[in-house]
Amino acid sequence: MSNTVLPQYWTEEEQRMLEDVTEFRHMTPIAFRVLERMPGRIHEVCGPISTGGWGCPRRNLAFYGFAIEELVRHGLAVFDNRPFQDVMERIINTHQIKGYAMGIFHDFYYPIFESGRIVTAWHLPDWQSSTETKLEYKKFMELNIPWVPFPTEWLTGFEMPAELAA
C-alpha cells in the first residue's frame, strides 16, 4: 500500500515487514500480528478487488476501502487487508504467475479464516463477479462464518475519486 496513512491496528513495523515478503505464506504472520492487536469480534469485507466489480483493481480498492470505513464508523473492528494488495501483485509479477494465484487463498487467506478470529463476512454488491470473493464465500460457508449482505444504504455516500473516475 503506497500511501502514508496506515489502516487502523497496523504499525509502521508491519508495513516495513511487507517489503521483505517474497511468498504469499510470508504475509500470514504479519496478518496475525495485526489480528492479535484487534479487540473483540473481527469483521471482514468481502468483495471484488483484482477481478470483477468496478472493472479495475484501483477502483475496486477505493470502493472496498469506503466499505471498511463504513463498518468502522458503525463501531465494528474490521481486518483491513489492503496493505497486502501491492505485495500480492509484486509476488504475482515476480513469479510470473498466470491465471488466478491460488496461493493467495491456500497460503494466506485460508489460515486467517480458519483461525476463528473473523466472525462475520460482509459481502459487497456484485461479489459474484469476483473469482476471489466466490472462493471466500465457499470457505466462510464451510467454516460456518456468517456471510452478511453489506447494507446498501451505508454505501450511498461513495464517490469514486476523480483520478480513478475517468
N, C-alpha and C. Protein backbone atom coordinates (compact mmCIF):
# COMPACT_ATOMS: atom_id res chain seq x y z
N MET A 1 0.86 -1.17 0.00
CA MET A 1 0.00 0.00 0.00
C MET A 1 0.90 1.22 0.00
N SER A 2 0.76 2.03 -0.99
CA SER A 2 1.73 3.08 -1.20
C SER A 2 1.43 4.38 -0.47
N ASN A 3 0.27 4.52 0.15
CA ASN A 3 0.01 5.77 0.84
C ASN A 3 0.70 5.79 2.20
N THR A 4 0.72 6.96 2.85
CA THR A 4 1.44 7.08 4.10
C THR A 4 0.55 6.86 5.32
N VAL A 5 -0.75 6.82 5.15
CA VAL A 5 -1.66 6.60 6.26
C VAL A 5 -1.89 5.10 6.42
N LEU A 6 -1.52 4.59 7.58
CA LEU A 6 -1.71 3.16 7.84
C LEU A 6 -3.12 2.89 8.31
N PRO A 7 -3.68 1.75 7.92
CA PRO A 7 -5.00 1.38 8.42
C PRO A 7 -4.98 1.18 9.93
N GLN A 8 -6.16 1.26 10.52
CA GLN A 8 -6.29 1.04 11.95
C GLN A 8 -5.70 -0.32 12.33
N TYR A 9 -4.99 -0.37 13.43
CA TYR A 9 -4.37 -1.55 14.01
C TYR A 9 -3.04 -1.93 13.34
N TRP A 10 -2.66 -1.27 12.28
CA TRP A 10 -1.39 -1.53 11.61
C TRP A 10 -0.30 -0.64 12.18
N THR A 11 0.94 -1.15 12.23
CA THR A 11 2.07 -0.35 12.68
C THR A 11 3.05 -0.16 11.53
N GLU A 12 3.94 0.79 11.70
CA GLU A 12 4.97 1.01 10.69
C GLU A 12 5.88 -0.22 10.56
N GLU A 13 6.09 -0.93 11.66
CA GLU A 13 6.92 -2.14 11.61
C GLU A 13 6.30 -3.18 10.67
N GLU A 14 5.01 -3.39 10.77
CA GLU A 14 4.34 -4.34 9.88
C GLU A 14 4.41 -3.87 8.43
N GLN A 15 4.26 -2.58 8.23
CA GLN A 15 4.37 -2.04 6.88
C GLN A 15 5.77 -2.33 6.32
N ARG A 16 6.81 -2.16 7.13
CA ARG A 16 8.18 -2.45 6.70
C ARG A 16 8.38 -3.94 6.44
N MET A 17 7.76 -4.78 7.27
CA MET A 17 7.88 -6.23 7.10
C MET A 17 7.35 -6.67 5.73
N LEU A 18 6.34 -5.98 5.24
CA LEU A 18 5.78 -6.34 3.93
C LEU A 18 6.80 -6.19 2.81
N GLU A 19 7.75 -5.30 2.98
CA GLU A 19 8.77 -5.07 1.95
C GLU A 19 9.63 -6.31 1.71
N ASP A 20 9.77 -7.16 2.72
CA ASP A 20 10.62 -8.35 2.61
C ASP A 20 9.87 -9.61 2.18
N VAL A 21 8.57 -9.50 2.02
CA VAL A 21 7.75 -10.67 1.67
C VAL A 21 8.01 -11.09 0.23
N THR A 22 8.29 -12.39 0.04
CA THR A 22 8.54 -12.92 -1.30
C THR A 22 7.58 -14.05 -1.68
N GLU A 23 6.79 -14.53 -0.70
CA GLU A 23 5.82 -15.59 -0.96
C GLU A 23 4.55 -15.27 -0.19
N PHE A 24 3.43 -15.75 -0.69
CA PHE A 24 2.14 -15.47 -0.05
C PHE A 24 2.14 -15.91 1.41
N ARG A 25 2.74 -17.06 1.71
CA ARG A 25 2.73 -17.58 3.08
C ARG A 25 3.50 -16.68 4.05
N HIS A 26 4.39 -15.84 3.53
CA HIS A 26 5.14 -14.92 4.39
C HIS A 26 4.27 -13.76 4.89
N MET A 27 3.12 -13.57 4.26
CA MET A 27 2.22 -12.49 4.69
C MET A 27 1.41 -12.90 5.91
N THR A 28 1.19 -14.19 6.08
CA THR A 28 0.30 -14.68 7.13
C THR A 28 0.74 -14.27 8.54
N PRO A 29 2.02 -14.42 8.91
CA PRO A 29 2.41 -13.99 10.26
C PRO A 29 2.20 -12.49 10.49
N ILE A 30 2.34 -11.71 9.44
CA ILE A 30 2.11 -10.26 9.57
C ILE A 30 0.63 -10.02 9.84
N ALA A 31 -0.22 -10.72 9.10
CA ALA A 31 -1.66 -10.58 9.31
C ALA A 31 -2.03 -10.96 10.75
N PHE A 32 -1.43 -12.04 11.26
CA PHE A 32 -1.76 -12.46 12.61
C PHE A 32 -1.27 -11.46 13.66
N ARG A 33 -0.20 -10.76 13.39
CA ARG A 33 0.24 -9.69 14.31
C ARG A 33 -0.83 -8.62 14.41
N VAL A 34 -1.38 -8.24 13.26
CA VAL A 34 -2.43 -7.22 13.24
C VAL A 34 -3.68 -7.75 13.93
N LEU A 35 -4.09 -8.96 13.60
CA LEU A 35 -5.29 -9.56 14.19
C LEU A 35 -5.20 -9.67 15.71
N GLU A 36 -4.02 -10.01 16.21
CA GLU A 36 -3.85 -10.16 17.66
C GLU A 36 -4.02 -8.83 18.38
N ARG A 37 -3.78 -7.76 17.72
CA ARG A 37 -3.90 -6.43 18.32
C ARG A 37 -5.35 -5.94 18.30
N MET A 38 -6.17 -6.57 17.50
CA MET A 38 -7.55 -6.11 17.33
C MET A 38 -8.44 -6.61 18.46
N PRO A 39 -9.35 -5.75 18.90
CA PRO A 39 -10.23 -6.12 20.01
C PRO A 39 -11.45 -6.91 19.56
N GLY A 40 -11.90 -7.80 20.42
CA GLY A 40 -13.19 -8.45 20.27
C GLY A 40 -13.46 -9.13 18.96
N ARG A 41 -14.68 -8.96 18.51
CA ARG A 41 -15.18 -9.61 17.30
C ARG A 41 -14.65 -8.88 16.07
N ILE A 42 -14.04 -9.62 15.17
CA ILE A 42 -13.41 -9.01 13.99
C ILE A 42 -14.22 -9.35 12.75
N HIS A 43 -14.41 -8.34 11.93
CA HIS A 43 -15.21 -8.45 10.73
C HIS A 43 -14.32 -8.30 9.50
N GLU A 44 -14.81 -8.83 8.38
CA GLU A 44 -14.06 -8.77 7.12
C GLU A 44 -15.01 -8.29 6.03
N VAL A 45 -14.51 -7.40 5.18
CA VAL A 45 -15.26 -7.00 3.99
C VAL A 45 -14.86 -7.94 2.87
N CYS A 46 -15.83 -8.45 2.13
CA CYS A 46 -15.57 -9.35 1.01
C CYS A 46 -16.19 -8.76 -0.25
N GLY A 47 -15.37 -8.58 -1.24
CA GLY A 47 -15.87 -8.03 -2.50
C GLY A 47 -14.77 -7.98 -3.53
N PRO A 48 -15.13 -7.60 -4.72
CA PRO A 48 -14.16 -7.57 -5.82
C PRO A 48 -12.97 -6.67 -5.53
N ILE A 49 -11.78 -7.18 -5.82
CA ILE A 49 -10.57 -6.36 -5.79
C ILE A 49 -9.84 -6.53 -7.12
N SER A 50 -9.28 -7.72 -7.34
CA SER A 50 -8.49 -7.91 -8.57
C SER A 50 -9.33 -8.26 -9.78
N THR A 51 -10.51 -8.84 -9.57
CA THR A 51 -11.39 -9.17 -10.69
C THR A 51 -12.81 -8.70 -10.37
N GLY A 52 -13.58 -8.37 -11.39
CA GLY A 52 -14.98 -8.01 -11.23
C GLY A 52 -15.19 -6.61 -10.71
N GLY A 53 -16.35 -6.40 -10.13
CA GLY A 53 -16.69 -5.11 -9.53
C GLY A 53 -16.66 -3.95 -10.50
N TRP A 54 -15.85 -2.95 -10.18
CA TRP A 54 -15.72 -1.74 -10.96
C TRP A 54 -14.81 -1.93 -12.17
N GLY A 55 -14.30 -3.15 -12.36
CA GLY A 55 -13.51 -3.46 -13.55
C GLY A 55 -12.05 -3.07 -13.49
N CYS A 56 -11.58 -2.65 -12.33
CA CYS A 56 -10.19 -2.18 -12.19
C CYS A 56 -9.81 -2.30 -10.72
N PRO A 57 -8.67 -2.93 -10.41
CA PRO A 57 -8.29 -3.09 -9.00
C PRO A 57 -8.24 -1.78 -8.22
N ARG A 58 -7.75 -0.71 -8.81
CA ARG A 58 -7.67 0.57 -8.08
C ARG A 58 -9.06 1.10 -7.75
N ARG A 59 -10.00 0.97 -8.68
CA ARG A 59 -11.37 1.41 -8.41
C ARG A 59 -12.02 0.50 -7.37
N ASN A 60 -11.79 -0.80 -7.52
CA ASN A 60 -12.35 -1.74 -6.55
C ASN A 60 -11.82 -1.46 -5.15
N LEU A 61 -10.54 -1.16 -5.04
CA LEU A 61 -9.95 -0.87 -3.73
C LEU A 61 -10.52 0.40 -3.12
N ALA A 62 -10.84 1.39 -3.96
CA ALA A 62 -11.45 2.62 -3.45
C ALA A 62 -12.81 2.31 -2.82
N PHE A 63 -13.62 1.51 -3.52
CA PHE A 63 -14.94 1.13 -3.02
C PHE A 63 -14.80 0.25 -1.77
N TYR A 64 -13.89 -0.70 -1.83
CA TYR A 64 -13.61 -1.61 -0.73
C TYR A 64 -13.20 -0.82 0.52
N GLY A 65 -12.32 0.14 0.33
CA GLY A 65 -11.87 0.98 1.44
C GLY A 65 -13.00 1.78 2.05
N PHE A 66 -13.89 2.30 1.21
CA PHE A 66 -15.05 3.03 1.69
C PHE A 66 -15.91 2.11 2.57
N ALA A 67 -16.10 0.88 2.12
CA ALA A 67 -16.90 -0.09 2.88
C ALA A 67 -16.26 -0.37 4.23
N ILE A 68 -14.95 -0.54 4.26
CA ILE A 68 -14.26 -0.77 5.53
C ILE A 68 -14.50 0.41 6.47
N GLU A 69 -14.34 1.61 5.95
CA GLU A 69 -14.54 2.81 6.77
C GLU A 69 -15.97 2.91 7.30
N GLU A 70 -16.94 2.48 6.51
CA GLU A 70 -18.33 2.49 6.97
C GLU A 70 -18.55 1.53 8.13
N LEU A 71 -17.99 0.34 8.04
CA LEU A 71 -18.13 -0.61 9.15
C LEU A 71 -17.46 -0.07 10.41
N VAL A 72 -16.29 0.52 10.24
CA VAL A 72 -15.59 1.12 11.39
C VAL A 72 -16.44 2.25 11.97
N ARG A 73 -17.03 3.07 11.11
CA ARG A 73 -17.88 4.17 11.56
C ARG A 73 -19.07 3.65 12.36
N HIS A 74 -19.51 2.44 12.05
CA HIS A 74 -20.61 1.82 12.79
C HIS A 74 -20.12 1.01 14.00
N GLY A 75 -18.87 1.20 14.38
CA GLY A 75 -18.35 0.63 15.61
C GLY A 75 -17.79 -0.78 15.53
N LEU A 76 -17.52 -1.28 14.32
CA LEU A 76 -17.01 -2.64 14.18
C LEU A 76 -15.50 -2.64 13.97
N ALA A 77 -14.84 -3.66 14.50
CA ALA A 77 -13.41 -3.87 14.25
C ALA A 77 -13.29 -4.64 12.94
N VAL A 78 -12.60 -4.07 11.95
CA VAL A 78 -12.52 -4.65 10.62
C VAL A 78 -11.07 -4.94 10.27
N PHE A 79 -10.80 -6.18 9.87
CA PHE A 79 -9.47 -6.53 9.40
C PHE A 79 -9.27 -5.90 8.03
N ASP A 80 -8.33 -4.98 7.94
CA ASP A 80 -8.06 -4.25 6.70
C ASP A 80 -6.90 -4.93 5.99
N ASN A 81 -7.21 -5.66 4.93
CA ASN A 81 -6.18 -6.40 4.20
C ASN A 81 -5.61 -5.63 3.02
N ARG A 82 -5.98 -4.37 2.85
CA ARG A 82 -5.48 -3.59 1.71
C ARG A 82 -3.96 -3.48 1.65
N PRO A 83 -3.25 -3.38 2.77
CA PRO A 83 -1.79 -3.29 2.66
C PRO A 83 -1.15 -4.49 1.97
N PHE A 84 -1.83 -5.61 1.94
CA PHE A 84 -1.28 -6.81 1.30
C PHE A 84 -1.43 -6.79 -0.22
N GLN A 85 -2.26 -5.93 -0.75
CA GLN A 85 -2.56 -5.96 -2.18
C GLN A 85 -1.34 -5.69 -3.06
N ASP A 86 -0.56 -4.68 -2.72
CA ASP A 86 0.65 -4.40 -3.50
C ASP A 86 1.64 -5.56 -3.43
N VAL A 87 1.74 -6.18 -2.26
CA VAL A 87 2.64 -7.32 -2.08
C VAL A 87 2.19 -8.50 -2.95
N MET A 88 0.89 -8.76 -2.94
CA MET A 88 0.35 -9.85 -3.77
C MET A 88 0.67 -9.60 -5.24
N GLU A 89 0.47 -8.39 -5.69
CA GLU A 89 0.76 -8.06 -7.08
C GLU A 89 2.25 -8.23 -7.39
N ARG A 90 3.09 -7.82 -6.46
CA ARG A 90 4.54 -7.96 -6.65
C ARG A 90 4.93 -9.43 -6.75
N ILE A 91 4.35 -10.28 -5.89
CA ILE A 91 4.66 -11.71 -5.91
C ILE A 91 4.20 -12.32 -7.23
N ILE A 92 3.00 -11.98 -7.65
CA ILE A 92 2.47 -12.50 -8.91
C ILE A 92 3.38 -12.11 -10.07
N ASN A 93 3.81 -10.86 -10.11
CA ASN A 93 4.68 -10.39 -11.19
C ASN A 93 6.07 -11.01 -11.12
N THR A 94 6.62 -11.12 -9.92
CA THR A 94 7.96 -11.70 -9.74
C THR A 94 8.00 -13.16 -10.17
N HIS A 95 6.98 -13.90 -9.79
CA HIS A 95 6.93 -15.33 -10.11
C HIS A 95 6.24 -15.60 -11.45
N GLN A 96 5.82 -14.52 -12.12
CA GLN A 96 5.15 -14.61 -13.42
C GLN A 96 4.00 -15.62 -13.38
N ILE A 97 3.16 -15.46 -12.38
CA ILE A 97 2.02 -16.36 -12.21
C ILE A 97 0.96 -16.01 -13.25
N LYS A 98 0.53 -17.00 -13.96
CA LYS A 98 -0.53 -16.83 -14.97
C LYS A 98 -1.84 -17.33 -14.38
N GLY A 99 -2.94 -16.69 -14.76
CA GLY A 99 -4.23 -17.08 -14.21
C GLY A 99 -4.36 -16.61 -12.78
N TYR A 100 -5.28 -17.21 -12.05
CA TYR A 100 -5.50 -16.78 -10.67
C TYR A 100 -4.49 -17.42 -9.74
N ALA A 101 -3.90 -16.64 -8.88
CA ALA A 101 -2.87 -17.11 -7.94
C ALA A 101 -3.53 -17.75 -6.73
N MET A 102 -3.75 -19.05 -6.80
CA MET A 102 -4.45 -19.77 -5.73
C MET A 102 -3.68 -19.75 -4.41
N GLY A 103 -2.39 -19.51 -4.45
CA GLY A 103 -1.61 -19.41 -3.22
C GLY A 103 -2.10 -18.30 -2.31
N ILE A 104 -2.73 -17.29 -2.89
CA ILE A 104 -3.28 -16.20 -2.07
C ILE A 104 -4.28 -16.78 -1.07
N PHE A 105 -5.06 -17.77 -1.52
CA PHE A 105 -6.04 -18.37 -0.61
C PHE A 105 -5.44 -19.42 0.27
N HIS A 106 -4.78 -20.39 -0.34
CA HIS A 106 -4.28 -21.52 0.43
C HIS A 106 -3.22 -21.11 1.44
N ASP A 107 -2.38 -20.16 1.10
CA ASP A 107 -1.27 -19.80 1.98
C ASP A 107 -1.51 -18.56 2.83
N PHE A 108 -2.51 -17.76 2.46
CA PHE A 108 -2.73 -16.51 3.19
C PHE A 108 -4.14 -16.43 3.79
N TYR A 109 -5.16 -16.33 2.95
CA TYR A 109 -6.50 -16.11 3.48
C TYR A 109 -7.04 -17.29 4.27
N TYR A 110 -6.90 -18.52 3.79
CA TYR A 110 -7.49 -19.66 4.49
C TYR A 110 -6.99 -19.78 5.93
N PRO A 111 -5.69 -19.65 6.20
CA PRO A 111 -5.27 -19.71 7.61
C PRO A 111 -5.91 -18.62 8.48
N ILE A 112 -6.11 -17.44 7.90
CA ILE A 112 -6.75 -16.36 8.66
C ILE A 112 -8.20 -16.74 8.97
N PHE A 113 -8.92 -17.19 7.95
CA PHE A 113 -10.32 -17.56 8.15
C PHE A 113 -10.44 -18.73 9.11
N GLU A 114 -9.55 -19.70 9.01
CA GLU A 114 -9.60 -20.89 9.86
C GLU A 114 -9.21 -20.59 11.31
N SER A 115 -8.58 -19.45 11.55
CA SER A 115 -8.14 -19.11 12.91
C SER A 115 -9.30 -18.84 13.86
N GLY A 116 -10.47 -18.56 13.32
CA GLY A 116 -11.60 -18.24 14.16
C GLY A 116 -11.68 -16.78 14.57
N ARG A 117 -10.73 -15.98 14.15
CA ARG A 117 -10.72 -14.56 14.53
C ARG A 117 -11.77 -13.74 13.77
N ILE A 118 -12.08 -14.12 12.54
CA ILE A 118 -13.08 -13.41 11.75
C ILE A 118 -14.44 -14.00 12.09
N VAL A 119 -15.36 -13.16 12.55
CA VAL A 119 -16.66 -13.66 12.98
C VAL A 119 -17.79 -13.37 11.99
N THR A 120 -17.58 -12.41 11.10
CA THR A 120 -18.61 -12.06 10.12
C THR A 120 -17.94 -11.59 8.84
N ALA A 121 -18.47 -12.06 7.72
CA ALA A 121 -18.02 -11.63 6.40
C ALA A 121 -19.12 -10.77 5.79
N TRP A 122 -18.83 -9.51 5.53
CA TRP A 122 -19.78 -8.57 4.95
C TRP A 122 -19.52 -8.52 3.46
N HIS A 123 -20.45 -9.05 2.66
CA HIS A 123 -20.19 -9.06 1.23
C HIS A 123 -20.79 -7.85 0.52
N LEU A 124 -19.97 -7.29 -0.36
CA LEU A 124 -20.36 -6.12 -1.13
C LEU A 124 -21.26 -6.52 -2.30
N PRO A 125 -22.05 -5.57 -2.81
CA PRO A 125 -22.83 -5.86 -4.00
C PRO A 125 -21.90 -6.31 -5.13
N ASP A 126 -22.38 -7.11 -6.00
CA ASP A 126 -21.63 -7.60 -7.16
C ASP A 126 -20.48 -8.53 -6.77
N TRP A 127 -20.56 -9.13 -5.56
CA TRP A 127 -19.48 -10.01 -5.11
C TRP A 127 -19.30 -11.21 -6.03
N GLN A 128 -20.38 -11.63 -6.70
CA GLN A 128 -20.30 -12.81 -7.56
C GLN A 128 -19.43 -12.58 -8.79
N SER A 129 -19.11 -11.33 -9.10
CA SER A 129 -18.27 -11.04 -10.27
C SER A 129 -16.79 -11.27 -9.98
N SER A 130 -16.46 -11.60 -8.74
CA SER A 130 -15.08 -11.74 -8.31
C SER A 130 -14.70 -13.20 -8.07
N THR A 131 -13.66 -13.65 -8.74
CA THR A 131 -13.14 -15.00 -8.51
C THR A 131 -12.78 -15.17 -7.04
N GLU A 132 -12.08 -14.22 -6.49
CA GLU A 132 -11.61 -14.29 -5.11
C GLU A 132 -12.76 -14.35 -4.12
N THR A 133 -13.77 -13.52 -4.32
CA THR A 133 -14.88 -13.48 -3.37
C THR A 133 -15.72 -14.74 -3.42
N LYS A 134 -15.84 -15.35 -4.59
CA LYS A 134 -16.57 -16.63 -4.66
C LYS A 134 -15.83 -17.70 -3.87
N LEU A 135 -14.50 -17.68 -3.91
CA LEU A 135 -13.72 -18.62 -3.10
C LEU A 135 -13.88 -18.33 -1.62
N GLU A 136 -13.88 -17.05 -1.26
CA GLU A 136 -14.09 -16.67 0.13
C GLU A 136 -15.45 -17.17 0.62
N TYR A 137 -16.46 -16.97 -0.20
CA TYR A 137 -17.82 -17.41 0.16
C TYR A 137 -17.83 -18.90 0.51
N LYS A 138 -17.23 -19.71 -0.35
CA LYS A 138 -17.20 -21.16 -0.10
C LYS A 138 -16.51 -21.47 1.23
N LYS A 139 -15.41 -20.80 1.49
CA LYS A 139 -14.67 -21.06 2.72
C LYS A 139 -15.46 -20.61 3.95
N PHE A 140 -16.08 -19.45 3.87
CA PHE A 140 -16.88 -18.98 5.01
C PHE A 140 -18.05 -19.91 5.27
N MET A 141 -18.68 -20.43 4.21
CA MET A 141 -19.79 -21.38 4.40
C MET A 141 -19.27 -22.66 5.06
N GLU A 142 -18.12 -23.14 4.60
CA GLU A 142 -17.51 -24.35 5.19
C GLU A 142 -17.22 -24.16 6.67
N LEU A 143 -16.82 -22.96 7.05
CA LEU A 143 -16.45 -22.68 8.44
C LEU A 143 -17.61 -22.15 9.28
N ASN A 144 -18.80 -22.06 8.68
CA ASN A 144 -19.99 -21.55 9.37
C ASN A 144 -19.81 -20.12 9.89
N ILE A 145 -19.10 -19.32 9.12
CA ILE A 145 -18.94 -17.90 9.45
C ILE A 145 -20.03 -17.14 8.69
N PRO A 146 -20.84 -16.36 9.40
CA PRO A 146 -21.94 -15.66 8.73
C PRO A 146 -21.48 -14.80 7.54
N TRP A 147 -22.21 -14.92 6.45
CA TRP A 147 -21.99 -14.19 5.20
C TRP A 147 -23.14 -13.19 5.09
N VAL A 148 -22.88 -11.93 5.40
CA VAL A 148 -23.92 -10.94 5.57
C VAL A 148 -23.88 -9.91 4.43
N PRO A 149 -25.03 -9.61 3.83
CA PRO A 149 -25.02 -8.57 2.79
C PRO A 149 -24.68 -7.21 3.40
N PHE A 150 -23.81 -6.48 2.73
CA PHE A 150 -23.44 -5.15 3.19
C PHE A 150 -24.66 -4.24 3.00
N PRO A 151 -25.06 -3.51 4.03
CA PRO A 151 -26.25 -2.64 3.89
C PRO A 151 -26.05 -1.60 2.78
N THR A 152 -26.89 -1.66 1.78
CA THR A 152 -26.72 -0.75 0.63
C THR A 152 -26.83 0.71 1.04
N GLU A 153 -27.62 0.99 2.06
CA GLU A 153 -27.75 2.39 2.49
C GLU A 153 -26.44 2.94 3.07
N TRP A 154 -25.57 2.07 3.54
CA TRP A 154 -24.27 2.51 4.05
C TRP A 154 -23.30 2.84 2.91
N LEU A 155 -23.63 2.42 1.70
CA LEU A 155 -22.75 2.64 0.55
C LEU A 155 -23.16 3.82 -0.32
N THR A 156 -24.29 4.44 0.01
CA THR A 156 -24.81 5.50 -0.86
C THR A 156 -23.91 6.73 -0.92
N GLY A 157 -23.10 6.96 0.07
CA GLY A 157 -22.22 8.13 0.08
C GLY A 157 -20.93 7.96 -0.71
N PHE A 158 -20.73 6.78 -1.29
CA PHE A 158 -19.48 6.54 -2.02
C PHE A 158 -19.41 7.35 -3.31
N GLU A 159 -18.27 7.99 -3.49
CA GLU A 159 -17.98 8.68 -4.74
C GLU A 159 -16.60 8.23 -5.20
N MET A 160 -16.52 7.80 -6.45
CA MET A 160 -15.25 7.36 -7.00
C MET A 160 -14.31 8.57 -7.03
N PRO A 161 -13.09 8.42 -6.51
CA PRO A 161 -12.13 9.52 -6.58
C PRO A 161 -11.93 9.98 -8.02
N ALA A 162 -11.81 11.29 -8.20
CA ALA A 162 -11.73 11.87 -9.54
C ALA A 162 -10.62 11.25 -10.38
N GLU A 163 -9.47 10.97 -9.77
CA GLU A 163 -8.35 10.40 -10.55
C GLU A 163 -8.63 8.99 -11.04
N LEU A 164 -9.64 8.32 -10.47
CA LEU A 164 -10.00 6.96 -10.89
C LEU A 164 -11.27 6.93 -11.73
N ALA A 165 -12.01 8.03 -11.76
CA ALA A 165 -13.31 8.06 -12.41
C ALA A 165 -13.21 8.04 -13.93
N ALA A 166 -12.14 8.52 -14.47
CA ALA A 166 -12.03 8.61 -15.94
C ALA A 166 -11.83 7.28 -16.59
